[in-house]
N, C-alpha and C. Protein backbone atom coordinates (compact mmCIF):
# COMPACT_ATOMS: atom_id res chain seq x y z
N MET A 1 138.74 165.15 93.34
CA MET A 1 137.44 165.22 93.86
C MET A 1 136.46 164.40 93.01
N ARG A 2 136.76 164.32 91.83
CA ARG A 2 135.95 163.49 90.98
C ARG A 2 136.10 162.02 91.37
N LEU A 3 137.14 161.70 91.99
CA LEU A 3 137.44 160.34 92.37
C LEU A 3 136.59 159.88 93.57
N VAL A 4 136.21 160.78 94.41
CA VAL A 4 135.45 160.43 95.61
C VAL A 4 134.08 159.85 95.25
N PRO A 5 133.31 160.45 94.34
CA PRO A 5 132.02 159.84 94.01
C PRO A 5 132.21 158.46 93.37
N VAL A 6 133.25 158.29 92.60
CA VAL A 6 133.47 157.01 91.93
C VAL A 6 133.85 155.97 92.98
N VAL A 7 134.71 156.33 93.91
CA VAL A 7 135.12 155.42 94.97
C VAL A 7 133.91 155.07 95.84
N ALA A 8 133.08 156.03 96.14
CA ALA A 8 131.89 155.78 96.95
C ALA A 8 130.96 154.83 96.21
N LEU A 9 130.82 155.03 94.93
CA LEU A 9 129.96 154.17 94.12
C LEU A 9 130.52 152.74 94.08
N VAL A 10 131.80 152.58 93.95
CA VAL A 10 132.43 151.27 93.93
C VAL A 10 132.26 150.59 95.29
N LEU A 11 132.44 151.35 96.36
CA LEU A 11 132.26 150.78 97.70
C LEU A 11 130.83 150.34 97.93
N LEU A 12 129.88 151.14 97.49
CA LEU A 12 128.47 150.76 97.63
C LEU A 12 128.16 149.52 96.80
N ALA A 13 128.67 149.46 95.61
CA ALA A 13 128.43 148.30 94.74
C ALA A 13 129.04 147.05 95.34
N SER A 14 130.25 147.16 95.85
CA SER A 14 130.90 145.98 96.43
C SER A 14 130.17 145.55 97.71
N ALA A 15 129.70 146.52 98.50
CA ALA A 15 128.94 146.18 99.70
C ALA A 15 127.64 145.48 99.30
N GLY A 16 127.02 145.97 98.25
CA GLY A 16 125.78 145.35 97.78
C GLY A 16 126.03 143.95 97.27
N LEU A 17 127.13 143.76 96.55
CA LEU A 17 127.44 142.43 96.02
C LEU A 17 127.84 141.47 97.13
N SER A 18 128.54 141.98 98.13
CA SER A 18 128.93 141.10 99.23
C SER A 18 127.70 140.71 100.05
N ALA A 19 126.71 141.55 100.06
CA ALA A 19 125.47 141.22 100.77
C ALA A 19 124.75 140.07 100.06
N CYS A 20 125.02 139.87 98.78
CA CYS A 20 124.38 138.80 98.02
C CYS A 20 124.89 137.43 98.47
N GLY A 21 125.99 137.39 99.15
CA GLY A 21 126.47 136.11 99.66
C GLY A 21 125.47 135.52 100.64
N GLY A 22 124.63 136.35 101.21
CA GLY A 22 123.62 135.88 102.15
C GLY A 22 122.25 135.78 101.52
N CYS A 23 122.17 135.67 100.22
CA CYS A 23 120.88 135.57 99.54
C CYS A 23 120.24 134.23 99.84
N SER A 24 118.95 134.25 100.10
CA SER A 24 118.24 133.03 100.48
C SER A 24 117.60 132.31 99.30
N GLY A 25 117.43 132.98 98.21
CA GLY A 25 116.74 132.38 97.08
C GLY A 25 115.23 132.53 97.18
N ASN A 26 114.77 133.23 98.20
CA ASN A 26 113.35 133.46 98.41
C ASN A 26 113.02 134.88 97.96
N PRO A 27 112.30 135.05 96.89
CA PRO A 27 112.05 136.39 96.35
C PRO A 27 111.25 137.27 97.31
N SER A 28 110.51 136.69 98.22
CA SER A 28 109.70 137.51 99.11
C SER A 28 110.54 138.17 100.20
N THR A 29 111.76 137.68 100.43
CA THR A 29 112.59 138.25 101.49
C THR A 29 113.85 138.92 100.96
N GLU A 30 114.14 138.81 99.69
CA GLU A 30 115.38 139.36 99.13
C GLU A 30 115.16 140.78 98.60
N GLY A 31 116.24 141.50 98.61
CA GLY A 31 116.21 142.84 98.04
C GLY A 31 116.51 142.79 96.55
N PHE A 32 116.71 143.95 96.00
CA PHE A 32 116.92 144.08 94.56
C PHE A 32 118.17 143.35 94.09
N VAL A 33 119.27 143.53 94.81
CA VAL A 33 120.54 142.96 94.35
C VAL A 33 120.48 141.43 94.42
N CYS A 34 120.03 140.88 95.52
CA CYS A 34 119.93 139.42 95.65
C CYS A 34 118.90 138.87 94.66
N GLY A 35 117.83 139.58 94.47
CA GLY A 35 116.82 139.15 93.51
C GLY A 35 117.37 139.09 92.11
N SER A 36 118.14 140.09 91.74
CA SER A 36 118.76 140.11 90.41
C SER A 36 119.73 138.95 90.27
N GLN A 37 120.55 138.74 91.29
CA GLN A 37 121.52 137.65 91.25
C GLN A 37 120.80 136.29 91.16
N SER A 38 119.74 136.11 91.91
CA SER A 38 118.99 134.85 91.90
C SER A 38 118.36 134.60 90.54
N LEU A 39 117.88 135.67 89.90
CA LEU A 39 117.32 135.52 88.55
C LEU A 39 118.39 135.09 87.57
N MET A 40 119.56 135.71 87.64
CA MET A 40 120.64 135.38 86.70
C MET A 40 121.16 133.97 86.92
N GLU A 41 121.22 133.52 88.14
CA GLU A 41 121.76 132.20 88.44
C GLU A 41 120.72 131.08 88.31
N GLY A 42 119.48 131.42 88.10
CA GLY A 42 118.43 130.41 87.95
C GLY A 42 117.95 129.84 89.27
N THR A 43 118.26 130.50 90.37
CA THR A 43 117.86 130.00 91.69
C THR A 43 116.35 129.90 91.82
N TYR A 44 115.66 130.91 91.32
CA TYR A 44 114.19 130.90 91.41
C TYR A 44 113.60 129.74 90.60
N GLU A 45 114.15 129.52 89.42
CA GLU A 45 113.65 128.44 88.56
C GLU A 45 113.88 127.07 89.23
N LYS A 46 115.06 126.89 89.83
CA LYS A 46 115.36 125.64 90.53
C LYS A 46 114.40 125.44 91.70
N ARG A 47 114.16 126.52 92.41
CA ARG A 47 113.25 126.43 93.56
C ARG A 47 111.83 126.11 93.11
N ARG A 48 111.40 126.73 92.03
CA ARG A 48 110.07 126.45 91.48
C ARG A 48 109.94 124.98 91.08
N LYS A 49 110.96 124.45 90.41
CA LYS A 49 110.93 123.05 89.99
C LYS A 49 110.92 122.11 91.20
N ALA A 50 111.69 122.44 92.23
CA ALA A 50 111.71 121.62 93.44
C ALA A 50 110.34 121.62 94.11
N LEU A 51 109.69 122.79 94.16
CA LEU A 51 108.36 122.88 94.76
C LEU A 51 107.33 122.10 93.93
N GLU A 52 107.46 122.16 92.59
CA GLU A 52 106.55 121.40 91.73
C GLU A 52 106.73 119.90 91.93
N ALA A 53 107.99 119.46 92.05
CA ALA A 53 108.27 118.04 92.27
C ALA A 53 107.70 117.60 93.62
N GLU A 54 107.85 118.43 94.63
CA GLU A 54 107.31 118.12 95.95
C GLU A 54 105.79 118.01 95.90
N ALA A 55 105.16 118.95 95.19
CA ALA A 55 103.70 118.92 95.07
C ALA A 55 103.24 117.67 94.32
N ALA A 56 103.97 117.29 93.26
CA ALA A 56 103.61 116.09 92.50
C ALA A 56 103.75 114.85 93.38
N ALA A 57 104.80 114.79 94.20
CA ALA A 57 105.00 113.65 95.10
C ALA A 57 103.86 113.57 96.12
N LYS A 58 103.45 114.71 96.64
CA LYS A 58 102.34 114.72 97.60
C LYS A 58 101.04 114.29 96.94
N GLU A 59 100.82 114.72 95.71
CA GLU A 59 99.61 114.31 94.99
C GLU A 59 99.62 112.81 94.73
N ALA A 60 100.78 112.27 94.37
CA ALA A 60 100.89 110.82 94.13
C ALA A 60 100.63 110.06 95.43
N ALA A 61 101.17 110.55 96.53
CA ALA A 61 100.96 109.89 97.83
C ALA A 61 99.48 109.95 98.21
N ALA A 62 98.82 111.07 97.93
CA ALA A 62 97.39 111.19 98.24
C ALA A 62 96.57 110.24 97.37
N ALA A 63 96.94 110.10 96.10
CA ALA A 63 96.23 109.17 95.21
C ALA A 63 96.42 107.73 95.69
N GLN A 64 97.65 107.40 96.12
CA GLN A 64 97.92 106.05 96.65
C GLN A 64 97.10 105.80 97.92
N ALA A 65 97.04 106.78 98.79
CA ALA A 65 96.26 106.62 100.03
C ALA A 65 94.78 106.44 99.71
N GLU A 66 94.27 107.15 98.73
CA GLU A 66 92.87 107.01 98.32
C GLU A 66 92.62 105.62 97.76
N ALA A 67 93.54 105.11 96.96
CA ALA A 67 93.40 103.76 96.39
C ALA A 67 93.40 102.72 97.51
N GLU A 68 94.26 102.89 98.49
CA GLU A 68 94.32 101.97 99.62
C GLU A 68 93.03 102.04 100.45
N ARG A 69 92.49 103.24 100.61
CA ARG A 69 91.24 103.40 101.35
C ARG A 69 90.10 102.67 100.64
N ARG A 70 90.04 102.83 99.31
CA ARG A 70 88.98 102.15 98.55
C ARG A 70 89.13 100.64 98.63
N ALA A 71 90.37 100.15 98.56
CA ALA A 71 90.60 98.71 98.66
C ALA A 71 90.18 98.19 100.04
N ALA A 72 90.48 98.96 101.07
CA ALA A 72 90.09 98.56 102.43
C ALA A 72 88.57 98.54 102.58
N GLU A 73 87.89 99.52 101.98
CA GLU A 73 86.43 99.54 102.03
C GLU A 73 85.84 98.33 101.31
N ALA A 74 86.42 97.97 100.17
CA ALA A 74 85.94 96.81 99.42
C ALA A 74 86.16 95.53 100.22
N ALA A 75 87.32 95.42 100.86
CA ALA A 75 87.61 94.24 101.68
C ALA A 75 86.65 94.17 102.86
N ALA A 76 86.36 95.31 103.46
CA ALA A 76 85.44 95.34 104.60
C ALA A 76 84.03 94.92 104.16
N ALA A 77 83.61 95.38 102.99
CA ALA A 77 82.29 95.00 102.49
C ALA A 77 82.23 93.50 102.24
N SER A 78 83.30 92.95 101.65
CA SER A 78 83.35 91.51 101.39
C SER A 78 83.33 90.73 102.69
N THR A 79 84.09 91.19 103.66
CA THR A 79 84.11 90.53 104.97
C THR A 79 82.74 90.61 105.62
N GLY A 80 82.08 91.74 105.48
CA GLY A 80 80.72 91.89 106.03
C GLY A 80 79.76 90.90 105.42
N GLN A 81 79.89 90.66 104.13
CA GLN A 81 79.02 89.69 103.46
C GLN A 81 79.31 88.27 103.94
N GLN A 82 80.59 87.97 104.14
CA GLN A 82 80.96 86.65 104.65
C GLN A 82 80.41 86.44 106.06
N VAL A 83 80.52 87.46 106.89
CA VAL A 83 80.03 87.37 108.26
C VAL A 83 78.51 87.17 108.24
N ALA A 84 77.82 87.90 107.38
CA ALA A 84 76.36 87.75 107.30
C ALA A 84 75.99 86.33 106.87
N ALA A 85 76.74 85.77 105.93
CA ALA A 85 76.47 84.40 105.49
C ALA A 85 76.72 83.40 106.62
N MET A 86 77.80 83.61 107.37
CA MET A 86 78.10 82.72 108.50
C MET A 86 77.02 82.83 109.57
N GLU A 87 76.57 84.05 109.85
CA GLU A 87 75.52 84.23 110.86
C GLU A 87 74.23 83.57 110.41
N SER A 88 73.94 83.63 109.12
CA SER A 88 72.74 82.98 108.59
C SER A 88 72.85 81.46 108.74
N SER A 89 74.03 80.92 108.43
CA SER A 89 74.25 79.48 108.59
C SER A 89 74.10 79.06 110.04
N LEU A 90 74.64 79.85 110.94
CA LEU A 90 74.54 79.54 112.37
C LEU A 90 73.09 79.60 112.85
N ALA A 91 72.32 80.56 112.36
CA ALA A 91 70.92 80.66 112.76
C ALA A 91 70.13 79.44 112.27
N ALA A 92 70.40 79.00 111.05
CA ALA A 92 69.73 77.80 110.52
C ALA A 92 70.13 76.58 111.34
N LEU A 93 71.39 76.49 111.69
CA LEU A 93 71.87 75.36 112.50
C LEU A 93 71.20 75.36 113.88
N GLU A 94 71.03 76.53 114.44
CA GLU A 94 70.37 76.63 115.75
C GLU A 94 68.93 76.10 115.67
N ARG A 95 68.22 76.47 114.63
CA ARG A 95 66.85 75.97 114.45
C ARG A 95 66.84 74.44 114.31
N GLN A 96 67.80 73.93 113.55
CA GLN A 96 67.86 72.48 113.34
C GLN A 96 68.21 71.75 114.63
N LEU A 97 69.07 72.32 115.44
CA LEU A 97 69.40 71.69 116.72
C LEU A 97 68.18 71.65 117.63
N GLY A 98 67.37 72.67 117.61
CA GLY A 98 66.12 72.67 118.37
C GLY A 98 65.19 71.56 117.89
N GLN A 99 65.15 71.36 116.58
CA GLN A 99 64.32 70.29 116.02
C GLN A 99 64.81 68.91 116.48
N ARG A 100 66.15 68.76 116.51
CA ARG A 100 66.72 67.48 116.97
C ARG A 100 66.34 67.22 118.43
N ARG A 101 66.39 68.25 119.25
CA ARG A 101 66.03 68.12 120.67
C ARG A 101 64.57 67.68 120.77
N THR A 102 63.70 68.28 119.99
CA THR A 102 62.27 67.93 119.99
C THR A 102 62.08 66.48 119.54
N GLN A 103 62.79 66.06 118.49
CA GLN A 103 62.70 64.68 118.01
C GLN A 103 63.14 63.69 119.09
N LEU A 104 64.23 64.01 119.76
CA LEU A 104 64.73 63.12 120.81
C LEU A 104 63.73 63.00 121.96
N THR A 105 63.17 64.10 122.35
CA THR A 105 62.19 64.08 123.44
C THR A 105 60.99 63.23 123.06
N ALA A 106 60.50 63.40 121.83
CA ALA A 106 59.35 62.60 121.37
C ALA A 106 59.73 61.12 121.28
N ALA A 107 60.92 60.83 120.83
CA ALA A 107 61.36 59.43 120.70
C ALA A 107 61.51 58.79 122.08
N GLN A 108 61.99 59.55 123.06
CA GLN A 108 62.14 59.00 124.41
C GLN A 108 60.78 58.67 125.01
N GLU A 109 59.78 59.49 124.72
CA GLU A 109 58.43 59.21 125.23
C GLU A 109 57.86 57.94 124.59
N ARG A 110 58.17 57.74 123.31
CA ARG A 110 57.66 56.56 122.61
C ARG A 110 58.39 55.28 123.02
N ALA A 111 59.64 55.40 123.47
CA ALA A 111 60.45 54.23 123.80
C ALA A 111 60.39 53.89 125.27
N GLU A 112 59.38 54.30 125.97
CA GLU A 112 59.28 54.17 127.42
C GLU A 112 59.59 52.78 127.94
N GLY A 113 59.43 51.75 127.42
CA GLY A 113 59.74 50.44 128.02
C GLY A 113 60.94 49.76 127.40
N ASP A 114 61.42 50.25 126.33
CA ASP A 114 62.51 49.62 125.58
C ASP A 114 63.86 50.17 126.07
N SER A 115 64.55 49.37 126.90
CA SER A 115 65.80 49.86 127.50
C SER A 115 66.90 50.05 126.45
N GLY A 116 66.94 49.20 125.44
CA GLY A 116 67.96 49.36 124.38
C GLY A 116 67.75 50.64 123.60
N ALA A 117 66.50 50.91 123.25
CA ALA A 117 66.19 52.14 122.52
C ALA A 117 66.45 53.36 123.39
N LEU A 118 66.11 53.26 124.68
CA LEU A 118 66.36 54.38 125.59
C LEU A 118 67.86 54.64 125.73
N GLU A 119 68.64 53.58 125.75
CA GLU A 119 70.10 53.74 125.84
C GLU A 119 70.63 54.42 124.58
N ASP A 120 70.14 53.97 123.43
CA ASP A 120 70.54 54.61 122.16
C ASP A 120 70.15 56.08 122.16
N LEU A 121 68.95 56.36 122.60
CA LEU A 121 68.47 57.75 122.62
C LEU A 121 69.29 58.59 123.61
N HIS A 122 69.67 57.97 124.72
CA HIS A 122 70.50 58.69 125.69
C HIS A 122 71.85 59.06 125.08
N ARG A 123 72.46 58.12 124.34
CA ARG A 123 73.74 58.43 123.66
C ARG A 123 73.55 59.55 122.63
N LEU A 124 72.45 59.48 121.90
CA LEU A 124 72.17 60.53 120.91
C LEU A 124 71.94 61.88 121.60
N GLU A 125 71.28 61.83 122.75
CA GLU A 125 71.05 63.07 123.51
C GLU A 125 72.38 63.67 123.96
N GLN A 126 73.31 62.81 124.41
CA GLN A 126 74.63 63.31 124.80
C GLN A 126 75.36 63.91 123.60
N ARG A 127 75.24 63.23 122.49
CA ARG A 127 75.89 63.75 121.28
C ARG A 127 75.28 65.09 120.86
N LEU A 128 73.97 65.20 121.00
CA LEU A 128 73.29 66.46 120.71
C LEU A 128 73.78 67.55 121.65
N ALA A 129 73.93 67.23 122.93
CA ALA A 129 74.41 68.22 123.90
C ALA A 129 75.83 68.68 123.53
N GLU A 130 76.68 67.74 123.10
CA GLU A 130 78.04 68.11 122.68
C GLU A 130 78.00 69.01 121.44
N LEU A 131 77.12 68.67 120.52
CA LEU A 131 76.98 69.48 119.31
C LEU A 131 76.49 70.88 119.65
N GLN A 132 75.53 70.95 120.59
CA GLN A 132 75.04 72.27 121.00
C GLN A 132 76.13 73.08 121.70
N ALA A 133 76.95 72.43 122.51
CA ALA A 133 78.07 73.14 123.16
C ALA A 133 79.05 73.65 122.11
N GLU A 134 79.35 72.84 121.12
CA GLU A 134 80.25 73.27 120.04
C GLU A 134 79.63 74.41 119.25
N TYR A 135 78.31 74.31 119.05
CA TYR A 135 77.59 75.39 118.36
C TYR A 135 77.75 76.71 119.13
N ARG A 136 77.56 76.67 120.45
CA ARG A 136 77.70 77.89 121.25
C ARG A 136 79.12 78.45 121.16
N ARG A 137 80.14 77.57 121.14
CA ARG A 137 81.52 78.02 121.01
C ARG A 137 81.74 78.72 119.67
N VAL A 138 81.23 78.10 118.60
CA VAL A 138 81.39 78.69 117.26
C VAL A 138 80.59 79.98 117.15
N GLN A 139 79.41 80.00 117.76
CA GLN A 139 78.60 81.21 117.73
C GLN A 139 79.34 82.36 118.42
N GLN A 140 79.96 82.08 119.57
CA GLN A 140 80.74 83.11 120.27
C GLN A 140 81.95 83.54 119.42
N ALA A 141 82.60 82.57 118.81
CA ALA A 141 83.74 82.89 117.95
C ALA A 141 83.29 83.74 116.77
N SER A 142 82.09 83.46 116.28
CA SER A 142 81.55 84.26 115.18
C SER A 142 81.29 85.68 115.64
N ALA A 143 80.80 85.83 116.86
CA ALA A 143 80.57 87.17 117.40
C ALA A 143 81.89 87.91 117.56
N ASP A 144 82.94 87.16 117.86
CA ASP A 144 84.26 87.76 117.99
C ASP A 144 84.98 87.83 116.64
N ARG A 145 84.31 87.42 115.56
CA ARG A 145 84.84 87.43 114.20
C ARG A 145 86.03 86.46 114.04
N GLN A 146 85.97 85.33 114.78
CA GLN A 146 87.05 84.37 114.68
C GLN A 146 86.58 83.02 114.13
N ALA A 147 85.30 82.83 114.00
CA ALA A 147 84.80 81.55 113.49
C ALA A 147 85.14 81.45 112.01
N THR A 148 85.39 80.23 111.60
CA THR A 148 85.70 80.03 110.19
C THR A 148 84.55 79.30 109.52
N GLU A 149 84.51 79.40 108.23
CA GLU A 149 83.49 78.69 107.48
C GLU A 149 83.66 77.19 107.64
N ALA A 150 84.90 76.73 107.79
CA ALA A 150 85.15 75.29 107.97
C ALA A 150 84.52 74.79 109.27
N GLU A 151 84.61 75.58 110.33
CA GLU A 151 84.00 75.18 111.60
C GLU A 151 82.49 75.07 111.47
N ILE A 152 81.91 76.01 110.76
CA ILE A 152 80.45 75.99 110.58
C ILE A 152 80.06 74.78 109.72
N ARG A 153 80.82 74.50 108.66
CA ARG A 153 80.53 73.32 107.83
C ARG A 153 80.64 72.04 108.65
N ALA A 154 81.64 71.95 109.53
CA ALA A 154 81.80 70.77 110.38
C ALA A 154 80.59 70.59 111.30
N LEU A 155 80.10 71.71 111.85
CA LEU A 155 78.89 71.63 112.68
C LEU A 155 77.69 71.16 111.86
N GLU A 156 77.56 71.67 110.66
CA GLU A 156 76.44 71.28 109.82
C GLU A 156 76.52 69.80 109.45
N GLU A 157 77.73 69.30 109.19
CA GLU A 157 77.90 67.88 108.88
C GLU A 157 77.57 67.02 110.09
N GLU A 158 78.03 67.43 111.26
CA GLU A 158 77.72 66.69 112.49
C GLU A 158 76.22 66.70 112.74
N ASN A 159 75.57 67.82 112.47
CA ASN A 159 74.12 67.92 112.64
C ASN A 159 73.41 66.97 111.68
N ALA A 160 73.88 66.89 110.44
CA ALA A 160 73.26 65.98 109.46
C ALA A 160 73.43 64.53 109.90
N GLU A 161 74.60 64.19 110.41
CA GLU A 161 74.83 62.82 110.90
C GLU A 161 73.92 62.52 112.09
N LEU A 162 73.80 63.46 113.00
CA LEU A 162 72.94 63.27 114.16
C LEU A 162 71.49 63.13 113.72
N ARG A 163 71.08 63.89 112.75
CA ARG A 163 69.70 63.78 112.23
C ARG A 163 69.46 62.39 111.66
N ARG A 164 70.46 61.89 110.90
CA ARG A 164 70.32 60.55 110.31
C ARG A 164 70.19 59.49 111.41
N LEU A 165 71.00 59.60 112.44
CA LEU A 165 70.97 58.62 113.54
C LEU A 165 69.64 58.69 114.30
N ILE A 166 69.16 59.91 114.56
CA ILE A 166 67.89 60.05 115.28
C ILE A 166 66.75 59.49 114.45
N ASP A 167 66.76 59.81 113.14
CA ASP A 167 65.69 59.30 112.27
C ASP A 167 65.72 57.76 112.23
N ALA A 168 66.92 57.18 112.16
CA ALA A 168 67.02 55.72 112.14
C ALA A 168 66.52 55.12 113.44
N THR A 169 66.87 55.75 114.55
CA THR A 169 66.43 55.24 115.85
C THR A 169 64.92 55.37 116.02
N VAL A 170 64.36 56.48 115.59
CA VAL A 170 62.91 56.70 115.68
C VAL A 170 62.19 55.70 114.80
N GLU A 171 62.70 55.39 113.62
CA GLU A 171 62.05 54.43 112.72
C GLU A 171 62.07 53.02 113.32
N SER A 172 63.10 52.73 114.10
CA SER A 172 63.19 51.39 114.68
C SER A 172 62.25 51.19 115.85
N LEU A 173 61.67 52.26 116.36
CA LEU A 173 60.76 52.15 117.52
C LEU A 173 59.43 51.61 117.12
């Protein structure tokens, strides 16, 4: 009879130990026996280290994303400054093209009987019209953020050449 309590105790212990085969390693869901086994085997410590490594990786990814965001903001600010400079150049060019148109009109009035001068002025007027059409194309491209600084410089150079030609023609009248 003394053997029955001992056998019952052994059966309970073995049932408890066999239940540990299904231990999850999660202390919030495990019972006493699985918890004890997990502590002895270091399961909790391994899980803690894995969670810490995961948290460190997420923090590093967040820091990288923040650095990328700041770099993108800086690039956007730089691009905004470039766009503002291009728009300013285009506005100045537009004013200068208006001045060229006014000069041509005044020169045509002064050259009323001179067919050679009128022919020269007509060619200059056509060139001015072409330059204005190119200006409108670049202005639209600028609005679409596709105009380049090189295109604007080319327009400015063409405008300077046209100004020189108009001034020379006006002086010859």
